[in-house]
Amino acid sequence: MARPLRILVVLLGLGALLLAPRAAAQETLAVEIAPTARLLRGGKAVAVQVTVTCPTGAAEVVEAFLYVNQDGNQGEFVFFHPTCDASPQTLMVRAQAVDFRYHVGQAQVSAYVLLSSGASTSPAQTVTLHHRQR
């Protein structure tokens, strides 16, 4: 009776070890949106800085996009392409307005990143839009 119990304990331990790397990989997906963004082309677009960190190896980015809302107006979804190499990647993403213009002030940036491992995140950040510095 003791031997079957030992076998069960060993199998449960192996199962936990096999699942642990996947859980760790999911924990390392992070997306940070900078607290400020630049107005471009007279408010027809904004440049948003996004920093993505995702694990090396089995995970690939399946989908990554963001959009910017201001005063009840939603901009276009814009796709970006980070690479998973376990180090933070900072990207400048250009989001376009649709039938309105962004202006100096507060706006809401929402992002979504999905990895092939199934890990995902969807951060949102209130940002301050400002004019391009010359």
C-alpha atoms as a PDB file:
ATOM      1  CA  MET A   1       0.000   0.000   0.000  1.00  0.00           C
ATOM      2  CA  ALA A   2       2.907   2.383   0.699  1.00  0.00           C
ATOM      3  CA  ARG A   3       4.412   1.895  -2.759  1.00  0.00           C
ATOM      4  CA  PRO A   4       1.282   3.045  -4.679  1.00  0.00           C
ATOM      5  CA  LEU A   5       1.123   6.097  -2.413  1.00  0.00           C
ATOM      6  CA  ARG A   6       4.785   6.946  -3.162  1.00  0.00           C
ATOM      7  CA  ILE A   7       4.151   6.574  -6.897  1.00  0.00           C
ATOM      8  CA  LEU A   8       1.157   8.916  -6.633  1.00  0.00           C
ATOM      9  CA  VAL A   9       3.218  11.499  -4.741  1.00  0.00           C
ATOM     10  CA  VAL A  10       6.024  11.299  -7.338  1.00  0.00           C
ATOM     11  CA  LEU A  11       3.545  11.697 -10.213  1.00  0.00           C
ATOM     12  CA  LEU A  12       1.903  14.696  -8.540  1.00  0.00           C
ATOM     13  CA  GLY A  13       5.344  16.261  -8.016  1.00  0.00           C
ATOM     14  CA  LEU A  14       6.268  15.736 -11.674  1.00  0.00           C
ATOM     15  CA  GLY A  15       2.975  17.231 -12.760  1.00  0.00           C
ATOM     16  CA  ALA A  16       3.632  20.317 -10.634  1.00  0.00           C
ATOM     17  CA  LEU A  17       7.112  20.696 -12.154  1.00  0.00           C
ATOM     18  CA  LEU A  18       5.749  20.475 -15.685  1.00  0.00           C
ATOM     19  CA  LEU A  19       3.151  23.155 -15.005  1.00  0.00           C
ATOM     20  CA  ALA A  20       5.489  25.533 -13.137  1.00  0.00           C
ATOM     21  CA  PRO A  21       7.373  26.962 -16.173  1.00  0.00           C
ATOM     22  CA  ARG A  22       4.136  27.876 -17.921  1.00  0.00           C
ATOM     23  CA  ALA A  23       2.860  29.711 -14.845  1.00  0.00           C
ATOM     24  CA  ALA A  24       6.190  31.519 -14.502  1.00  0.00           C
ATOM     25  CA  ALA A  25       6.080  32.548 -18.158  1.00  0.00           C
ATOM     26  CA  GLN A  26       2.612  34.015 -17.719  1.00  0.00           C
ATOM     27  CA  GLU A  27       3.804  36.034 -14.739  1.00  0.00           C
ATOM     28  CA  THR A  28       6.586  37.691 -16.750  1.00  0.00           C
ATOM     29  CA  LEU A  29       4.316  39.330 -19.337  1.00  0.00           C
ATOM     30  CA  ALA A  30       4.158  43.042 -18.557  1.00  0.00           C
ATOM     31  CA  VAL A  31       3.033  46.093 -20.502  1.00  0.00           C
ATOM     32  CA  GLU A  32       3.656  49.621 -19.249  1.00  0.00           C
ATOM     33  CA  ILE A  33       2.166  52.721 -20.842  1.00  0.00           C
ATOM     34  CA  ALA A  34       4.081  55.975 -20.307  1.00  0.00           C
ATOM     35  CA  PRO A  35       2.195  58.685 -18.369  1.00  0.00           C
ATOM     36  CA  THR A  36       2.571  61.251 -21.182  1.00  0.00           C
ATOM     37  CA  ALA A  37       2.092  61.146 -24.955  1.00  0.00           C
ATOM     38  CA  ARG A  38       2.900  63.617 -27.759  1.00  0.00           C
ATOM     39  CA  LEU A  39       0.353  65.217 -30.036  1.00  0.00           C
ATOM     40  CA  LEU A  40       1.259  64.840 -33.715  1.00  0.00           C
ATOM     41  CA  ARG A  41      -0.027  66.416 -36.940  1.00  0.00           C
ATOM     42  CA  GLY A  42      -2.149  69.028 -35.185  1.00  0.00           C
ATOM     43  CA  GLY A  43      -3.935  66.428 -33.047  1.00  0.00           C
ATOM     44  CA  LYS A  44      -4.681  63.944 -35.830  1.00  0.00           C
ATOM     45  CA  ALA A  45      -2.439  61.438 -34.026  1.00  0.00           C
ATOM     46  CA  VAL A  46      -0.549  60.839 -30.792  1.00  0.00           C
ATOM     47  CA  ALA A  47       2.751  59.082 -30.087  1.00  0.00           C
ATOM     48  CA  VAL A  48       2.445  56.743 -27.107  1.00  0.00           C
ATOM     49  CA  GLN A  49       5.447  55.055 -25.494  1.00  0.00           C
ATOM     50  CA  VAL A  50       4.818  51.428 -24.528  1.00  0.00           C
ATOM     51  CA  THR A  51       7.275  49.094 -22.784  1.00  0.00           C
ATOM     52  CA  VAL A  52       6.650  45.355 -23.204  1.00  0.00           C
ATOM     53  CA  THR A  53       8.430  42.559 -21.350  1.00  0.00           C
ATOM     54  CA  CYS A  54       7.649  38.947 -22.210  1.00  0.00           C
ATOM     55  CA  PRO A  55       9.463  35.618 -21.777  1.00  0.00           C
ATOM     56  CA  THR A  56      11.969  34.149 -24.203  1.00  0.00           C
ATOM     57  CA  GLY A  57      11.325  30.783 -25.760  1.00  0.00           C
ATOM     58  CA  ALA A  58       7.968  29.154 -26.220  1.00  0.00           C
ATOM     59  CA  ALA A  59       5.952  32.365 -26.127  1.00  0.00           C
ATOM     60  CA  GLU A  60       5.408  34.500 -29.235  1.00  0.00           C
ATOM     61  CA  VAL A  61       3.287  37.604 -29.526  1.00  0.00           C
ATOM     62  CA  VAL A  62       0.059  36.635 -31.267  1.00  0.00           C
ATOM     63  CA  GLU A  63      -1.565  40.053 -31.010  1.00  0.00           C
ATOM     64  CA  ALA A  64      -0.597  43.448 -29.588  1.00  0.00           C
ATOM     65  CA  PHE A  65      -2.546  46.675 -30.057  1.00  0.00           C
ATOM     66  CA  LEU A  66      -3.578  49.884 -28.363  1.00  0.00           C
ATOM     67  CA  TYR A  67      -6.008  52.751 -28.843  1.00  0.00           C
ATOM     68  CA  VAL A  68      -6.473  56.191 -27.327  1.00  0.00           C
ATOM     69  CA  ASN A  69      -9.776  57.698 -26.145  1.00  0.00           C
ATOM     70  CA  GLN A  70     -10.358  61.356 -25.349  1.00  0.00           C
ATOM     71  CA  ASP A  71     -13.597  63.192 -24.555  1.00  0.00           C
ATOM     72  CA  GLY A  72     -15.706  60.181 -25.550  1.00  0.00           C
ATOM     73  CA  ASN A  73     -13.930  59.802 -28.904  1.00  0.00           C
ATOM     74  CA  GLN A  74     -12.094  56.577 -29.714  1.00  0.00           C
ATOM     75  CA  GLY A  75      -9.054  56.495 -31.982  1.00  0.00           C
ATOM     76  CA  GLU A  76      -8.106  53.706 -34.351  1.00  0.00           C
ATOM     77  CA  PHE A  77      -6.723  50.436 -33.046  1.00  0.00           C
ATOM     78  CA  VAL A  78      -3.012  50.395 -33.865  1.00  0.00           C
ATOM     79  CA  PHE A  79      -1.014  47.169 -33.882  1.00  0.00           C
ATOM     80  CA  PHE A  80       2.580  46.958 -32.685  1.00  0.00           C
ATOM     81  CA  HIS A  81       5.123  44.135 -32.780  1.00  0.00           C
ATOM     82  CA  PRO A  82       7.231  43.468 -29.687  1.00  0.00           C
ATOM     83  CA  THR A  83       9.620  40.502 -29.603  1.00  0.00           C
ATOM     84  CA  CYS A  84       9.727  38.191 -26.600  1.00  0.00           C
ATOM     85  CA  ASP A  85      13.323  38.091 -25.380  1.00  0.00           C
ATOM     86  CA  ALA A  86      12.821  38.580 -21.604  1.00  0.00           C
ATOM     87  CA  SER A  87      14.150  42.144 -21.715  1.00  0.00           C
ATOM     88  CA  PRO A  88      11.965  45.267 -21.737  1.00  0.00           C
ATOM     89  CA  GLN A  89      11.308  46.623 -25.230  1.00  0.00           C
ATOM     90  CA  THR A  90      10.236  50.233 -25.507  1.00  0.00           C
ATOM     91  CA  LEU A  91       8.232  51.091 -28.602  1.00  0.00           C
ATOM     92  CA  MET A  92       6.817  54.400 -29.781  1.00  0.00           C
ATOM     93  CA  VAL A  93       3.343  53.647 -31.129  1.00  0.00           C
ATOM     94  CA  ARG A  94       1.488  56.177 -33.299  1.00  0.00           C
ATOM     95  CA  ALA A  95      -2.280  56.174 -32.744  1.00  0.00           C
ATOM     96  CA  GLN A  96      -4.590  57.961 -35.212  1.00  0.00           C
ATOM     97  CA  ALA A  97      -7.728  59.953 -34.394  1.00  0.00           C
ATOM     98  CA  VAL A  98     -10.935  59.133 -36.296  1.00  0.00           C
ATOM     99  CA  ASP A  99     -13.137  62.119 -37.249  1.00  0.00           C
ATOM    100  CA  PHE A 100     -11.834  64.222 -34.333  1.00  0.00           C
ATOM    101  CA  ARG A 101      -8.586  65.751 -33.105  1.00  0.00           C
ATOM    102  CA  TYR A 102      -6.731  64.968 -29.916  1.00  0.00           C
ATOM    103  CA  HIS A 103      -5.878  68.011 -27.786  1.00  0.00           C
ATOM    104  CA  VAL A 104      -3.691  68.920 -24.822  1.00  0.00           C
ATOM    105  CA  GLY A 105      -5.082  67.305 -21.673  1.00  0.00           C
ATOM    106  CA  GLN A 106      -6.014  63.912 -20.297  1.00  0.00           C
ATOM    107  CA  ALA A 107      -6.699  60.843 -22.456  1.00  0.00           C
ATOM    108  CA  GLN A 108      -7.133  57.124 -21.791  1.00  0.00           C
ATOM    109  CA  VAL A 109      -4.768  54.641 -23.455  1.00  0.00           C
ATOM    110  CA  SER A 110      -5.853  50.983 -23.511  1.00  0.00           C
ATOM    111  CA  ALA A 111      -3.615  48.163 -24.720  1.00  0.00           C
ATOM    112  CA  TYR A 112      -3.846  44.402 -25.201  1.00  0.00           C
ATOM    113  CA  VAL A 113      -1.090  41.819 -25.654  1.00  0.00           C
ATOM    114  CA  LEU A 114      -1.699  38.081 -26.212  1.00  0.00           C
ATOM    115  CA  LEU A 115       1.080  35.469 -26.256  1.00  0.00           C
ATOM    116  CA  SER A 116       1.011  32.031 -27.886  1.00  0.00           C
ATOM    117  CA  SER A 117       1.318  30.544 -24.375  1.00  0.00           C
ATOM    118  CA  GLY A 118      -2.143  31.937 -23.618  1.00  0.00           C
ATOM    119  CA  ALA A 119      -0.829  34.660 -21.312  1.00  0.00           C
ATOM    120  CA  SER A 120      -2.397  38.061 -21.897  1.00  0.00           C
ATOM    121  CA  THR A 121      -2.662  41.472 -20.332  1.00  0.00           C
ATOM    122  CA  SER A 122      -4.823  44.504 -21.015  1.00  0.00           C
ATOM    123  CA  PRO A 123      -3.520  47.548 -19.155  1.00  0.00           C
ATOM    124  CA  ALA A 124      -5.119  50.978 -19.300  1.00  0.00           C
ATOM    125  CA  GLN A 125      -3.500  54.262 -18.300  1.00  0.00           C
ATOM    126  CA  THR A 126      -4.659  57.843 -18.085  1.00  0.00           C
ATOM    127  CA  VAL A 127      -2.025  59.898 -19.877  1.00  0.00           C
ATOM    128  CA  THR A 128      -1.384  63.586 -20.397  1.00  0.00           C
ATOM    129  CA  LEU A 129      -1.220  64.660 -24.038  1.00  0.00           C
ATOM    130  CA  HIS A 130       1.194  67.491 -24.815  1.00  0.00           C
ATOM    131  CA  HIS A 131       2.567  69.263 -27.880  1.00  0.00           C
ATOM    132  CA  ARG A 132       5.719  68.048 -29.547  1.00  0.00           C
ATOM    133  CA  GLN A 133       8.750  69.681 -27.996  1.00  0.00           C
ATOM    134  CA  ARG A 134      10.878  71.588 -30.490  1.00  0.00           C
END
